[in-house]
Amino acid sequence: MKNKNQQVTVLGGSGYIGSHLSDLLTQKGFYVKIFDIKKSKYLKHNQKMYLGNLLQKKKLNESIKRSKYVFNFAALSNIDIASDQPFKTAKINILGTINILEACKKNKVKKLIHASSIYANSEQGGFYGCSKKASEDYIERFQQRYNTKFTILRFGSLYGGRSNNDNGLQRLINSAKRKKKITYAGSRGSERRYIHVKDAVNMCVKSMKKKFDNKYLTLTGKYKIRITSVIRLIQKQFKIKDKDINFQNIKNNIHYVNEPKDYIPRKGINIAIGSRETFVHNLKNLILKKS
């Protein structure tokens, strides 16, 4: 994969994963263009910044023009916020993805690398999971119809520098640091396969390779880590008392406990109505315009 002076657009490049990815791509010799609703705090002198959102087609197209690869990390990614805002989630995550696909087709982009989620193919995730699944479907259909190559990255639980309160692990740390309390919405039995953001973006760059064309990649850590172990470590670091640790045990179909449950297709009930004779009779009437 030649990269000298090759242009790459990172949509959502001001954010958590996008900014780390932009740094790595620049280090590897790509000319990086960042498109986001706000200017990146980590913008390098040899990177170009474009301000806009995914629904502004003209601005989006301008940022993608002449790029060989497009990474999409722009989304409404907070699963809890998405659970209360179905329309906004669909507008950004689904319609935004379609706009990206149209721009990639128009500019003959070599490949779209799209950030999805392990919730996309599961029973959990609420409206966020629905939006990611729909986006994946549109990307795959575009490839079939227009041969717009893709790699879809289904991310698990990320951690590392530059994360904000949208990140589950960072939220626990921030609460311990500022309030001297730790509140976890789930249960003590919860587990996660954490992956460091820098390991994740290394794989993002590798996914540009041809062998990953039109593939789905699930990116998680190797080992399951119990939430209780994570909380004990944070508790020790900030000297938090046991009485100030609270597991809310909220049961819903948004967050998973140990692993996301695989999506189960819904089969309809087949109800056959009418007969051959009725069809022939109605068709004759339709031809003769009697019905």
C-alpha atoms as a PDB file:
ATOM      1  CA  MET A   1       0.000   0.000   0.000  1.00  0.00           C
ATOM      2  CA  LYS A   2       1.706   3.175  -1.206  1.00  0.00           C
ATOM      3  CA  ASN A   3       1.022   6.176   0.981  1.00  0.00           C
ATOM      4  CA  LYS A   4       3.355   8.994  -0.101  1.00  0.00           C
ATOM      5  CA  ASN A   5       1.250  12.132  -0.524  1.00  0.00           C
ATOM      6  CA  GLN A   6      -1.913  10.008  -0.632  1.00  0.00           C
ATOM      7  CA  GLN A   7      -4.957  11.884   0.649  1.00  0.00           C
ATOM      8  CA  VAL A   8      -7.144  10.398   3.365  1.00  0.00           C
ATOM      9  CA  THR A   9     -10.278  11.908   4.901  1.00  0.00           C
ATOM     10  CA  VAL A  10     -11.144  11.181   8.524  1.00  0.00           C
ATOM     11  CA  LEU A  11     -14.775  12.048   9.232  1.00  0.00           C
ATOM     12  CA  GLY A  12     -15.158  12.728  12.939  1.00  0.00           C
ATOM     13  CA  GLY A  13     -11.394  13.278  13.124  1.00  0.00           C
ATOM     14  CA  SER A  14     -11.643  15.703  16.049  1.00  0.00           C
ATOM     15  CA  GLY A  15     -13.050  13.019  18.322  1.00  0.00           C
ATOM     16  CA  TYR A  16     -11.674  10.299  20.531  1.00  0.00           C
ATOM     17  CA  ILE A  17     -10.765   7.562  18.054  1.00  0.00           C
ATOM     18  CA  GLY A  18     -10.627   9.852  15.017  1.00  0.00           C
ATOM     19  CA  SER A  19      -7.940  12.121  16.461  1.00  0.00           C
ATOM     20  CA  HIS A  20      -5.688   9.183  17.364  1.00  0.00           C
ATOM     21  CA  LEU A  21      -6.202   7.730  13.890  1.00  0.00           C
ATOM     22  CA  SER A  22      -5.397  11.074  12.240  1.00  0.00           C
ATOM     23  CA  ASP A  23      -2.134  11.239  14.199  1.00  0.00           C
ATOM     24  CA  LEU A  24      -1.127   7.734  13.115  1.00  0.00           C
ATOM     25  CA  LEU A  25      -2.007   8.288   9.454  1.00  0.00           C
ATOM     26  CA  THR A  26       0.061  11.485   9.421  1.00  0.00           C
ATOM     27  CA  GLN A  27       2.989   9.621  10.994  1.00  0.00           C
ATOM     28  CA  LYS A  28       2.738   7.058   8.204  1.00  0.00           C
ATOM     29  CA  GLY A  29       3.014   9.707   5.510  1.00  0.00           C
ATOM     30  CA  PHE A  30      -0.601  10.241   4.476  1.00  0.00           C
ATOM     31  CA  TYR A  31      -1.990  13.714   3.851  1.00  0.00           C
ATOM     32  CA  VAL A  32      -4.839  13.803   6.375  1.00  0.00           C
ATOM     33  CA  LYS A  33      -8.007  15.860   5.984  1.00  0.00           C
ATOM     34  CA  ILE A  34     -10.224  16.058   9.058  1.00  0.00           C
ATOM     35  CA  PHE A  35     -13.965  16.722   8.811  1.00  0.00           C
ATOM     36  CA  ASP A  36     -15.883  17.433  12.008  1.00  0.00           C
ATOM     37  CA  ILE A  37     -18.380  19.803  13.604  1.00  0.00           C
ATOM     38  CA  LYS A  38     -15.606  21.363  15.697  1.00  0.00           C
ATOM     39  CA  LYS A  39     -11.921  22.055  15.193  1.00  0.00           C
ATOM     40  CA  SER A  40      -9.633  19.323  16.483  1.00  0.00           C
ATOM     41  CA  LYS A  41      -7.661  20.170  19.618  1.00  0.00           C
ATOM     42  CA  TYR A  42      -4.981  17.833  18.269  1.00  0.00           C
ATOM     43  CA  LEU A  43      -4.730  19.278  14.741  1.00  0.00           C
ATOM     44  CA  LYS A  44      -1.212  19.063  13.281  1.00  0.00           C
ATOM     45  CA  HIS A  45       0.285  21.775  11.067  1.00  0.00           C
ATOM     46  CA  ASN A  46       0.360  19.388   8.097  1.00  0.00           C
ATOM     47  CA  GLN A  47      -3.280  18.305   8.453  1.00  0.00           C
ATOM     48  CA  LYS A  48      -6.224  20.151   6.887  1.00  0.00           C
ATOM     49  CA  MET A  49      -9.387  20.898   8.855  1.00  0.00           C
ATOM     50  CA  TYR A  50     -12.905  21.044   7.366  1.00  0.00           C
ATOM     51  CA  LEU A  51     -15.826  22.167   9.541  1.00  0.00           C
ATOM     52  CA  GLY A  52     -19.293  20.764   8.918  1.00  0.00           C
ATOM     53  CA  ASN A  53     -21.678  17.902   9.619  1.00  0.00           C
ATOM     54  CA  LEU A  54     -22.717  14.813   7.670  1.00  0.00           C
ATOM     55  CA  LEU A  55     -25.961  16.406   6.488  1.00  0.00           C
ATOM     56  CA  GLN A  56     -24.124  19.269   4.756  1.00  0.00           C
ATOM     57  CA  LYS A  57     -23.491  17.502   1.474  1.00  0.00           C
ATOM     58  CA  LYS A  58     -21.450  20.238  -0.185  1.00  0.00           C
ATOM     59  CA  LYS A  59     -19.006  20.553   2.730  1.00  0.00           C
ATOM     60  CA  LEU A  60     -18.817  16.791   3.108  1.00  0.00           C
ATOM     61  CA  ASN A  61     -18.057  16.358  -0.585  1.00  0.00           C
ATOM     62  CA  GLU A  62     -15.333  19.008  -0.445  1.00  0.00           C
ATOM     63  CA  SER A  63     -13.540  17.173   2.366  1.00  0.00           C
ATOM     64  CA  ILE A  64     -13.676  13.853   0.485  1.00  0.00           C
ATOM     65  CA  LYS A  65     -12.616  15.185  -2.915  1.00  0.00           C
ATOM     66  CA  ARG A  66      -9.309  13.644  -4.129  1.00  0.00           C
ATOM     67  CA  SER A  67      -9.132  11.235  -1.152  1.00  0.00           C
ATOM     68  CA  LYS A  68      -8.284   7.596  -1.856  1.00  0.00           C
ATOM     69  CA  TYR A  69      -9.578   6.405   1.509  1.00  0.00           C
ATOM     70  CA  VAL A  70     -12.339   7.706   3.781  1.00  0.00           C
ATOM     71  CA  PHE A  71     -12.646   6.750   7.450  1.00  0.00           C
ATOM     72  CA  ASN A  72     -16.005   7.416   9.068  1.00  0.00           C
ATOM     73  CA  PHE A  73     -15.943   8.010  12.826  1.00  0.00           C
ATOM     74  CA  ALA A  74     -18.634  10.708  12.754  1.00  0.00           C
ATOM     75  CA  ALA A  75     -21.764   9.542  14.571  1.00  0.00           C
ATOM     76  CA  LEU A  76     -24.045   9.965  17.524  1.00  0.00           C
ATOM     77  CA  SER A  77     -22.118   7.428  19.553  1.00  0.00           C
ATOM     78  CA  ASN A  78     -23.449   7.803  23.100  1.00  0.00           C
ATOM     79  CA  ILE A  79     -25.720   4.794  23.455  1.00  0.00           C
ATOM     80  CA  ASP A  80     -27.686   6.287  26.375  1.00  0.00           C
ATOM     81  CA  ILE A  81     -28.356   9.595  24.612  1.00  0.00           C
ATOM     82  CA  ALA A  82     -29.362   7.693  21.469  1.00  0.00           C
ATOM     83  CA  SER A  83     -31.909   5.685  23.473  1.00  0.00           C
ATOM     84  CA  ASP A  84     -33.920   8.888  24.049  1.00  0.00           C
ATOM     85  CA  GLN A  85     -33.390  10.466  20.615  1.00  0.00           C
ATOM     86  CA  PRO A  86     -34.401   8.006  17.874  1.00  0.00           C
ATOM     87  CA  PHE A  87     -34.926  10.642  15.169  1.00  0.00           C
ATOM     88  CA  LYS A  88     -31.611  12.406  15.773  1.00  0.00           C
ATOM     89  CA  THR A  89     -29.828   9.044  15.905  1.00  0.00           C
ATOM     90  CA  ALA A  90     -31.311   7.978  12.558  1.00  0.00           C
ATOM     91  CA  LYS A  91     -30.602  11.350  10.944  1.00  0.00           C
ATOM     92  CA  ILE A  92     -26.918  11.383  11.880  1.00  0.00           C
ATOM     93  CA  ASN A  93     -26.034   7.695  11.816  1.00  0.00           C
ATOM     94  CA  ILE A  94     -28.153   6.480   8.891  1.00  0.00           C
ATOM     95  CA  LEU A  95     -28.797   9.477   6.627  1.00  0.00           C
ATOM     96  CA  GLY A  96     -25.271  10.712   7.343  1.00  0.00           C
ATOM     97  CA  THR A  97     -23.852   7.365   6.210  1.00  0.00           C
ATOM     98  CA  ILE A  98     -25.868   7.520   2.979  1.00  0.00           C
ATOM     99  CA  ASN A  99     -24.470  11.000   2.292  1.00  0.00           C
ATOM    100  CA  ILE A 100     -20.959   9.645   2.840  1.00  0.00           C
ATOM    101  CA  LEU A 101     -21.601   6.769   0.445  1.00  0.00           C
ATOM    102  CA  GLU A 102     -22.887   9.144  -2.231  1.00  0.00           C
ATOM    103  CA  ALA A 103     -19.818  11.360  -1.825  1.00  0.00           C
ATOM    104  CA  CYS A 104     -17.485   8.334  -1.996  1.00  0.00           C
ATOM    105  CA  LYS A 105     -19.196   7.143  -5.182  1.00  0.00           C
ATOM    106  CA  LYS A 106     -19.048  10.602  -6.745  1.00  0.00           C
ATOM    107  CA  ASN A 107     -15.345  11.042  -5.938  1.00  0.00           C
ATOM    108  CA  LYS A 108     -14.354   7.460  -6.835  1.00  0.00           C
ATOM    109  CA  VAL A 109     -12.960   6.749  -3.377  1.00  0.00           C
ATOM    110  CA  LYS A 110     -10.947   3.528  -3.262  1.00  0.00           C
ATOM    111  CA  LYS A 111     -12.472   2.358   0.024  1.00  0.00           C
ATOM    112  CA  LEU A 112     -14.713   3.510   2.861  1.00  0.00           C
ATOM    113  CA  ILE A 113     -13.651   2.284   6.304  1.00  0.00           C
ATOM    114  CA  HIS A 114     -16.651   2.638   8.582  1.00  0.00           C
ATOM    115  CA  ALA A 115     -16.701   2.592  12.391  1.00  0.00           C
ATOM    116  CA  SER A 116     -19.567   0.428  13.587  1.00  0.00           C
ATOM    117  CA  SER A 117     -20.166  -1.386  16.865  1.00  0.00           C
ATOM    118  CA  ILE A 118     -20.510  -4.856  18.354  1.00  0.00           C
ATOM    119  CA  TYR A 119     -24.087  -3.758  19.072  1.00  0.00           C
ATOM    120  CA  ALA A 120     -24.856  -3.651  15.319  1.00  0.00           C
ATOM    121  CA  ASN A 121     -25.495  -7.386  15.069  1.00  0.00           C
ATOM    122  CA  SER A 122     -26.983  -7.905  18.520  1.00  0.00           C
ATOM    123  CA  GLU A 123     -30.250  -7.725  20.436  1.00  0.00           C
ATOM    124  CA  GLN A 124     -28.849  -4.915  22.614  1.00  0.00           C
ATOM    125  CA  GLY A 125     -27.982  -1.334  21.767  1.00  0.00           C
ATOM    126  CA  GLY A 126     -31.410   0.255  21.435  1.00  0.00           C
ATOM    127  CA  PHE A 127     -31.770   2.878  18.718  1.00  0.00           C
ATOM    128  CA  TYR A 128     -27.971   3.187  18.531  1.00  0.00           C
ATOM    129  CA  GLY A 129     -27.621  -0.495  17.623  1.00  0.00           C
ATOM    130  CA  CYS A 130     -30.470  -0.181  15.089  1.00  0.00           C
ATOM    131  CA  SER A 131     -28.781   2.770  13.415  1.00  0.00           C
ATOM    132  CA  LYS A 132     -25.459   0.960  13.149  1.00  0.00           C
ATOM    133  CA  LYS A 133     -27.104  -2.148  11.681  1.00  0.00           C
ATOM    134  CA  ALA A 134     -28.971  -0.061   9.103  1.00  0.00           C
ATOM    135  CA  SER A 135     -25.772   1.793   8.187  1.00  0.00           C
ATOM    136  CA  GLU A 136     -23.961  -1.494   7.634  1.00  0.00           C
ATOM    137  CA  ASP A 137     -26.788  -2.694   5.389  1.00  0.00           C
ATOM    138  CA  TYR A 138     -26.645   0.471   3.274  1.00  0.00           C
ATOM    139  CA  ILE A 139     -22.860   0.182   2.934  1.00  0.00           C
ATOM    140  CA  GLU A 140     -23.115  -3.439   1.788  1.00  0.00           C
ATOM    141  CA  ARG A 141     -25.905  -2.664  -0.703  1.00  0.00           C
ATOM    142  CA  PHE A 142     -23.911   0.268  -2.113  1.00  0.00           C
ATOM    143  CA  GLN A 143     -21.004  -2.081  -2.683  1.00  0.00           C
ATOM    144  CA  GLN A 144     -23.244  -4.522  -4.514  1.00  0.00           C
ATOM    145  CA  ARG A 145     -24.841  -1.790  -6.630  1.00  0.00           C
ATOM    146  CA  TYR A 146     -21.906   0.591  -7.263  1.00  0.00           C
ATOM    147  CA  ASN A 147     -18.818  -1.460  -6.258  1.00  0.00           C
ATOM    148  CA  THR A 148     -17.881   1.036  -3.528  1.00  0.00           C
ATOM    149  CA  LYS A 149     -15.447  -1.055  -1.473  1.00  0.00           C
ATOM    150  CA  PHE A 150     -15.663  -0.994   2.307  1.00  0.00           C
ATOM    151  CA  THR A 151     -14.307  -2.372   5.543  1.00  0.00           C
ATOM    152  CA  ILE A 152     -16.621  -2.264   8.538  1.00  0.00           C
ATOM    153  CA  LEU A 153     -15.032  -2.119  11.983  1.00  0.00           C
ATOM    154  CA  ARG A 154     -17.232  -3.281  14.848  1.00  0.00           C
ATOM    155  CA  PHE A 155     -15.694  -1.803  17.972  1.00  0.00           C
ATOM    156  CA  GLY A 156     -16.026  -3.193  21.476  1.00  0.00           C
ATOM    157  CA  SER A 157     -15.154  -1.343  24.691  1.00  0.00           C
ATOM    158  CA  LEU A 158     -12.378   1.189  24.116  1.00  0.00           C
ATOM    159  CA  TYR A 159     -10.251   3.014  26.662  1.00  0.00           C
ATOM    160  CA  GLY A 160      -7.296   5.395  26.603  1.00  0.00           C
ATOM    161  CA  GLY A 161      -6.293   9.037  26.403  1.00  0.00           C
ATOM    162  CA  ARG A 162      -8.587  11.774  25.006  1.00  0.00           C
ATOM    163  CA  SER A 163     -11.791   9.962  25.948  1.00  0.00           C
ATOM    164  CA  ASN A 164     -14.609  11.959  27.541  1.00  0.00           C
ATOM    165  CA  ASN A 165     -17.610  11.155  29.719  1.00  0.00           C
ATOM    166  CA  ASP A 166     -19.268   9.311  26.820  1.00  0.00           C
ATOM    167  CA  ASN A 167     -16.741   6.535  27.436  1.00  0.00           C
ATOM    168  CA  GLY A 168     -17.886   4.082  30.109  1.00  0.00           C
ATOM    169  CA  LEU A 169     -14.491   3.519  31.727  1.00  0.00           C
ATOM    170  CA  GLN A 170     -13.609   7.219  31.659  1.00  0.00           C
ATOM    171  CA  ARG A 171     -16.967   8.001  33.274  1.00  0.00           C
ATOM    172  CA  LEU A 172     -16.087   5.758  36.241  1.00  0.00           C
ATOM    173  CA  ILE A 173     -12.674   7.417  36.601  1.00  0.00           C
ATOM    174  CA  ASN A 174     -14.134  10.933  36.384  1.00  0.00           C
ATOM    175  CA  SER A 175     -16.773  10.144  38.999  1.00  0.00           C
ATOM    176  CA  ALA A 176     -14.161   8.730  41.377  1.00  0.00           C
ATOM    177  CA  LYS A 177     -11.845  11.679  40.847  1.00  0.00           C
ATOM    178  CA  ARG A 178     -14.396  14.480  41.196  1.00  0.00           C
ATOM    179  CA  LYS A 179     -17.080  13.063  43.480  1.00  0.00           C
ATOM    180  CA  LYS A 180     -15.163  10.412  45.416  1.00  0.00           C
ATOM    181  CA  LYS A 181     -17.976   8.035  44.440  1.00  0.00           C
ATOM    182  CA  ILE A 182     -18.344   5.275  41.863  1.00  0.00           C
ATOM    183  CA  THR A 183     -21.753   4.445  40.404  1.00  0.00           C
ATOM    184  CA  TYR A 184     -22.121   1.651  37.875  1.00  0.00           C
ATOM    185  CA  ALA A 185     -25.478   1.300  36.140  1.00  0.00           C
ATOM    186  CA  GLY A 186     -25.119  -2.454  35.557  1.00  0.00           C
ATOM    187  CA  SER A 187     -24.472  -5.455  37.787  1.00  0.00           C
ATOM    188  CA  ARG A 188     -21.442  -6.836  39.608  1.00  0.00           C
ATOM    189  CA  GLY A 189     -21.326  -9.706  37.137  1.00  0.00           C
ATOM    190  CA  SER A 190     -20.686  -7.439  34.147  1.00  0.00           C
ATOM    191  CA  GLU A 191     -17.595  -8.087  32.014  1.00  0.00           C
ATOM    192  CA  ARG A 192     -15.929  -6.280  29.125  1.00  0.00           C
ATOM    193  CA  ARG A 193     -13.133  -7.003  26.617  1.00  0.00           C
ATOM    194  CA  TYR A 194     -11.314  -3.662  26.767  1.00  0.00           C
ATOM    195  CA  ILE A 195      -9.118  -2.587  23.864  1.00  0.00           C
ATOM    196  CA  HIS A 196      -6.735   0.368  24.055  1.00  0.00           C
ATOM    197  CA  VAL A 197      -7.500   3.108  21.560  1.00  0.00           C
ATOM    198  CA  LYS A 198      -3.955   3.011  20.113  1.00  0.00           C
ATOM    199  CA  ASP A 199      -4.210  -0.721  19.454  1.00  0.00           C
ATOM    200  CA  ALA A 200      -7.575  -0.072  17.824  1.00  0.00           C
ATOM    201  CA  VAL A 201      -6.288   2.633  15.471  1.00  0.00           C
ATOM    202  CA  ASN A 202      -3.316   0.467  14.493  1.00  0.00           C
ATOM    203  CA  MET A 203      -5.837  -2.073  13.261  1.00  0.00           C
ATOM    204  CA  CYS A 204      -7.809   0.709  11.549  1.00  0.00           C
ATOM    205  CA  VAL A 205      -4.756   1.531   9.429  1.00  0.00           C
ATOM    206  CA  LYS A 206      -4.140  -2.146   8.661  1.00  0.00           C
ATOM    207  CA  SER A 207      -7.763  -2.439   7.509  1.00  0.00           C
ATOM    208  CA  MET A 208      -6.865  -0.279   4.498  1.00  0.00           C
ATOM    209  CA  LYS A 209      -5.200  -3.336   2.978  1.00  0.00           C
ATOM    210  CA  LYS A 210      -6.875  -5.099   0.072  1.00  0.00           C
ATOM    211  CA  LYS A 211      -7.296  -8.355   2.004  1.00  0.00           C
ATOM    212  CA  PHE A 212      -9.855  -6.602   4.204  1.00  0.00           C
ATOM    213  CA  ASP A 213     -11.956  -5.300   1.298  1.00  0.00           C
ATOM    214  CA  ASN A 214     -15.687  -5.835   1.914  1.00  0.00           C
ATOM    215  CA  LYS A 215     -15.022  -7.514   5.258  1.00  0.00           C
ATOM    216  CA  TYR A 216     -16.481  -7.041   8.742  1.00  0.00           C
ATOM    217  CA  LEU A 217     -13.867  -6.854  11.528  1.00  0.00           C
ATOM    218  CA  THR A 218     -14.774  -7.067  15.214  1.00  0.00           C
ATOM    219  CA  LEU A 219     -12.201  -5.259  17.374  1.00  0.00           C
ATOM    220  CA  THR A 220     -12.104  -6.162  21.061  1.00  0.00           C
ATOM    221  CA  GLY A 221      -9.546  -7.021  23.704  1.00  0.00           C
ATOM    222  CA  LYS A 222      -8.410 -10.649  24.050  1.00  0.00           C
ATOM    223  CA  TYR A 223      -9.596 -11.176  27.608  1.00  0.00           C
ATOM    224  CA  LYS A 224     -12.772 -10.570  29.561  1.00  0.00           C
ATOM    225  CA  ILE A 225     -12.272  -8.264  32.523  1.00  0.00           C
ATOM    226  CA  ARG A 226     -14.802  -8.109  35.327  1.00  0.00           C
ATOM    227  CA  ILE A 227     -16.191  -4.690  36.146  1.00  0.00           C
ATOM    228  CA  THR A 228     -15.634  -5.407  39.843  1.00  0.00           C
ATOM    229  CA  SER A 229     -11.884  -5.734  39.175  1.00  0.00           C
ATOM    230  CA  VAL A 230     -11.873  -2.415  37.306  1.00  0.00           C
ATOM    231  CA  ILE A 231     -13.762  -0.678  40.112  1.00  0.00           C
ATOM    232  CA  ARG A 232     -11.476  -2.115  42.811  1.00  0.00           C
ATOM    233  CA  LEU A 233      -8.460  -0.710  40.999  1.00  0.00           C
ATOM    234  CA  ILE A 234     -10.069   2.739  40.673  1.00  0.00           C
ATOM    235  CA  GLN A 235     -11.239   2.562  44.297  1.00  0.00           C
ATOM    236  CA  LYS A 236      -7.738   1.865  45.516  1.00  0.00           C
ATOM    237  CA  GLN A 237      -6.208   4.645  43.428  1.00  0.00           C
ATOM    238  CA  PHE A 238      -8.603   7.311  44.720  1.00  0.00           C
ATOM    239  CA  LYS A 239      -9.036   5.885  48.262  1.00  0.00           C
ATOM    240  CA  ILE A 240     -12.815   5.534  47.954  1.00  0.00           C
ATOM    241  CA  LYS A 241     -14.805   3.880  50.716  1.00  0.00           C
ATOM    242  CA  ASP A 242     -16.882   0.751  50.073  1.00  0.00           C
ATOM    243  CA  LYS A 243     -20.090   2.581  51.014  1.00  0.00           C
ATOM    244  CA  ASP A 244     -19.488   5.042  48.146  1.00  0.00           C
ATOM    245  CA  ILE A 245     -19.578   2.319  45.498  1.00  0.00           C
ATOM    246  CA  ASN A 246     -23.005   1.617  44.033  1.00  0.00           C
ATOM    247  CA  PHE A 247     -24.138  -0.987  41.492  1.00  0.00           C
ATOM    248  CA  GLN A 248     -27.548   0.111  40.212  1.00  0.00           C
ATOM    249  CA  ASN A 249     -28.375  -3.211  38.521  1.00  0.00           C
ATOM    250  CA  ILE A 250     -30.468  -1.455  35.882  1.00  0.00           C
ATOM    251  CA  LYS A 251     -31.979  -4.080  33.605  1.00  0.00           C
ATOM    252  CA  ASN A 252     -32.715  -2.983  30.047  1.00  0.00           C
ATOM    253  CA  ASN A 253     -32.097  -4.086  26.496  1.00  0.00           C
ATOM    254  CA  ILE A 254     -29.498  -1.412  25.789  1.00  0.00           C
ATOM    255  CA  HIS A 255     -26.294  -2.560  27.512  1.00  0.00           C
ATOM    256  CA  TYR A 256     -25.082  -6.160  27.647  1.00  0.00           C
ATOM    257  CA  VAL A 257     -23.758  -7.943  30.746  1.00  0.00           C
ATOM    258  CA  ASN A 258     -21.111 -10.375  29.466  1.00  0.00           C
ATOM    259  CA  GLU A 259     -21.489 -10.562  25.661  1.00  0.00           C
ATOM    260  CA  PRO A 260     -23.999  -9.003  23.290  1.00  0.00           C
ATOM    261  CA  LYS A 261     -26.773 -11.449  22.378  1.00  0.00           C
ATOM    262  CA  ASP A 262     -26.756 -12.318  18.682  1.00  0.00           C
ATOM    263  CA  TYR A 263     -29.464 -10.699  16.607  1.00  0.00           C
ATOM    264  CA  ILE A 264     -32.403 -13.050  15.945  1.00  0.00           C
ATOM    265  CA  PRO A 265     -34.254 -12.500  12.639  1.00  0.00           C
ATOM    266  CA  ARG A 266     -38.009 -12.117  13.108  1.00  0.00           C
ATOM    267  CA  LYS A 267     -40.027 -14.541  11.005  1.00  0.00           C
ATOM    268  CA  GLY A 268     -43.443 -13.386   9.919  1.00  0.00           C
ATOM    269  CA  ILE A 269     -46.645 -15.419  10.109  1.00  0.00           C
ATOM    270  CA  ASN A 270     -47.598 -16.454   6.596  1.00  0.00           C
ATOM    271  CA  ILE A 271     -51.290 -15.889   5.870  1.00  0.00           C
ATOM    272  CA  ALA A 272     -52.332 -16.965   2.357  1.00  0.00           C
ATOM    273  CA  ILE A 273     -55.530 -15.273   1.148  1.00  0.00           C
ATOM    274  CA  GLY A 274     -57.642 -15.957  -1.944  1.00  0.00           C
ATOM    275  CA  SER A 275     -57.664 -18.684  -4.570  1.00  0.00           C
ATOM    276  CA  ARG A 276     -56.484 -19.203  -8.136  1.00  0.00           C
ATOM    277  CA  GLU A 277     -60.054 -18.874  -9.394  1.00  0.00           C
ATOM    278  CA  THR A 278     -60.502 -15.572  -7.580  1.00  0.00           C
ATOM    279  CA  PHE A 279     -57.231 -14.279  -9.005  1.00  0.00           C
ATOM    280  CA  VAL A 280     -58.199 -15.217 -12.588  1.00  0.00           C
ATOM    281  CA  HIS A 281     -61.619 -13.597 -12.164  1.00  0.00           C
ATOM    282  CA  ASN A 282     -60.165 -10.384 -10.678  1.00  0.00           C
ATOM    283  CA  LEU A 283     -57.432 -10.226 -13.327  1.00  0.00           C
ATOM    284  CA  LYS A 284     -60.029 -10.438 -16.132  1.00  0.00           C
ATOM    285  CA  ASN A 285     -61.995  -7.627 -14.507  1.00  0.00           C
ATOM    286  CA  LEU A 286     -58.818  -5.579 -14.188  1.00  0.00           C
ATOM    287  CA  ILE A 287     -57.976  -6.106 -17.870  1.00  0.00           C
ATOM    288  CA  LEU A 288     -61.514  -5.146 -18.843  1.00  0.00           C
ATOM    289  CA  LYS A 289     -61.449  -2.299 -16.270  1.00  0.00           C
ATOM    290  CA  LYS A 290     -64.577  -3.602 -14.558  1.00  0.00           C
ATOM    291  CA  SER A 291     -63.168  -3.575 -11.023  1.00  0.00           C
END
